[in-house]
């Protein structure tokens, strides 16, 4: 699940990445898009007196979202907590809404 929230002075991107460890994530921001890459790796072993079962699953994903406004990617900030990435990207001044006087 991925949300893009367009605020007055910034764009907030919130993405759920359950089961992905922080060291398996990569976030890239440009002035018009944000890309999140990650890998999921899961191993499970069960043993009994008569058998041993070992299961491994792996998968990778890439998600790119185009942003609703131009942003200053050099000032972007990201946090990762409880399987959720939040990236705050400040808008460029020229992308912010301006009130026009009539």
Protein backbone atom coordinates (compact mmCIF):
# COMPACT_ATOMS: atom_id res chain seq x y z
CA UNK A 1 0.00 0.00 0.00
CA UNK A 2 1.33 3.43 -0.94
CA UNK A 3 -0.11 6.88 -0.19
CA UNK A 4 0.94 10.20 -1.73
CA UNK A 5 -0.19 13.23 0.26
CA UNK A 6 0.14 16.65 -1.40
CA UNK A 7 0.59 19.32 1.28
CA UNK A 8 1.08 23.08 0.90
CA UNK A 9 4.87 23.03 1.24
CA UNK A 10 5.77 19.34 0.84
CA UNK A 11 4.77 15.96 -0.54
CA UNK A 12 4.55 13.02 1.85
CA UNK A 13 4.89 9.47 0.53
CA UNK A 14 3.98 6.68 2.93
CA UNK A 15 4.55 3.04 1.90
CA UNK A 16 3.92 -0.19 3.76
CA UNK A 17 6.68 -2.76 3.30
CA UNK A 18 5.91 -5.56 5.78
CA UNK A 19 8.60 -8.17 6.27
CA UNK A 20 11.34 -6.07 4.65
CA UNK A 21 14.41 -5.28 6.74
CA UNK A 22 15.89 -1.79 6.71
CA UNK A 23 19.17 -3.00 5.19
CA UNK A 24 17.20 -4.49 2.26
CA UNK A 25 15.52 -1.18 1.31
CA UNK A 26 16.63 1.49 -1.12
CA UNK A 27 14.85 4.82 -1.67
CA UNK A 28 15.73 7.16 -4.56
CA UNK A 29 14.19 10.61 -5.05
CA UNK A 30 14.32 12.89 -8.06
CA UNK A 31 12.60 16.24 -8.55
CA UNK A 32 9.53 14.54 -10.08
CA UNK A 33 9.47 10.93 -8.82
CA UNK A 34 10.26 8.58 -5.94
CA UNK A 35 11.42 4.97 -6.27
CA UNK A 36 11.35 2.37 -3.49
CA UNK A 37 13.21 -0.91 -3.99
CA UNK A 38 13.35 -3.82 -1.60
CA UNK A 39 13.92 -7.51 -1.06
CA UNK A 40 12.00 -9.90 1.14
CA UNK A 41 13.72 -13.00 2.43
CA UNK A 42 12.05 -15.51 4.73
CA UNK A 43 13.39 -18.81 6.08
CA UNK A 44 11.52 -21.23 8.29
CA UNK A 45 12.68 -24.58 9.67
CA UNK A 46 10.53 -27.07 11.56
CA UNK A 47 11.82 -30.27 13.08
CA UNK A 48 10.22 -33.32 14.57
CA UNK A 49 11.60 -36.73 15.55
CA UNK A 50 10.76 -38.12 12.11
CA UNK A 51 11.25 -35.18 9.75
CA UNK A 52 12.79 -31.78 9.12
CA UNK A 53 11.12 -29.14 6.92
CA UNK A 54 12.99 -26.10 5.68
CA UNK A 55 11.21 -23.47 3.58
CA UNK A 56 12.77 -20.42 1.96
CA UNK A 57 11.02 -17.66 0.05
CA UNK A 58 12.55 -14.64 -1.63
CA UNK A 59 11.19 -11.77 -3.64
CA UNK A 60 12.12 -8.32 -4.86
CA UNK A 61 10.00 -5.31 -5.73
CA UNK A 62 10.40 -1.87 -7.27
CA UNK A 63 7.76 0.84 -7.07
CA UNK A 64 8.09 4.25 -8.73
CA UNK A 65 5.55 6.99 -8.14
CA UNK A 66 5.38 10.28 -10.01
CA UNK A 67 4.99 13.19 -7.63
CA UNK A 68 2.18 15.76 -8.00
CA UNK A 69 4.65 18.72 -7.78
CA UNK A 70 8.32 19.34 -8.36
CA UNK A 71 10.31 18.82 -5.16
CA UNK A 72 13.79 19.53 -3.86
CA UNK A 73 15.07 15.94 -3.72
CA UNK A 74 18.33 17.01 -2.04
CA UNK A 75 16.31 18.03 1.05
CA UNK A 76 14.15 14.89 1.20
CA UNK A 77 13.98 13.04 4.52
CA UNK A 78 12.98 9.42 5.09
CA UNK A 79 12.06 7.38 8.16
CA UNK A 80 11.42 3.65 8.54
CA UNK A 81 9.52 2.23 11.49
CA UNK A 82 7.38 -0.88 11.99
CA UNK A 83 7.37 -1.78 8.29
CA UNK A 84 6.35 1.69 7.10
CA UNK A 85 8.53 4.10 5.10
CA UNK A 86 7.66 7.81 5.24
CA UNK A 87 9.42 10.19 2.86
CA UNK A 88 8.90 13.94 3.14
CA UNK A 89 9.92 15.92 0.06
CA UNK A 90 9.81 19.74 0.29
CA UNK A 91 8.27 21.42 -2.74
CA UNK A 92 10.24 23.87 -4.82
CA UNK A 93 9.03 27.44 -4.34
CA UNK A 94 7.75 27.64 -7.89
CA UNK A 95 5.61 24.51 -7.31
CA UNK A 96 3.85 25.87 -4.25
CA UNK A 97 0.43 27.43 -4.68
CA UNK A 98 0.35 31.22 -4.74
CA UNK A 99 -2.62 33.43 -3.99
CA UNK A 100 -3.40 35.85 -6.82
CA UNK A 101 -4.83 39.27 -6.08
CA UNK A 102 -7.65 40.46 -8.31
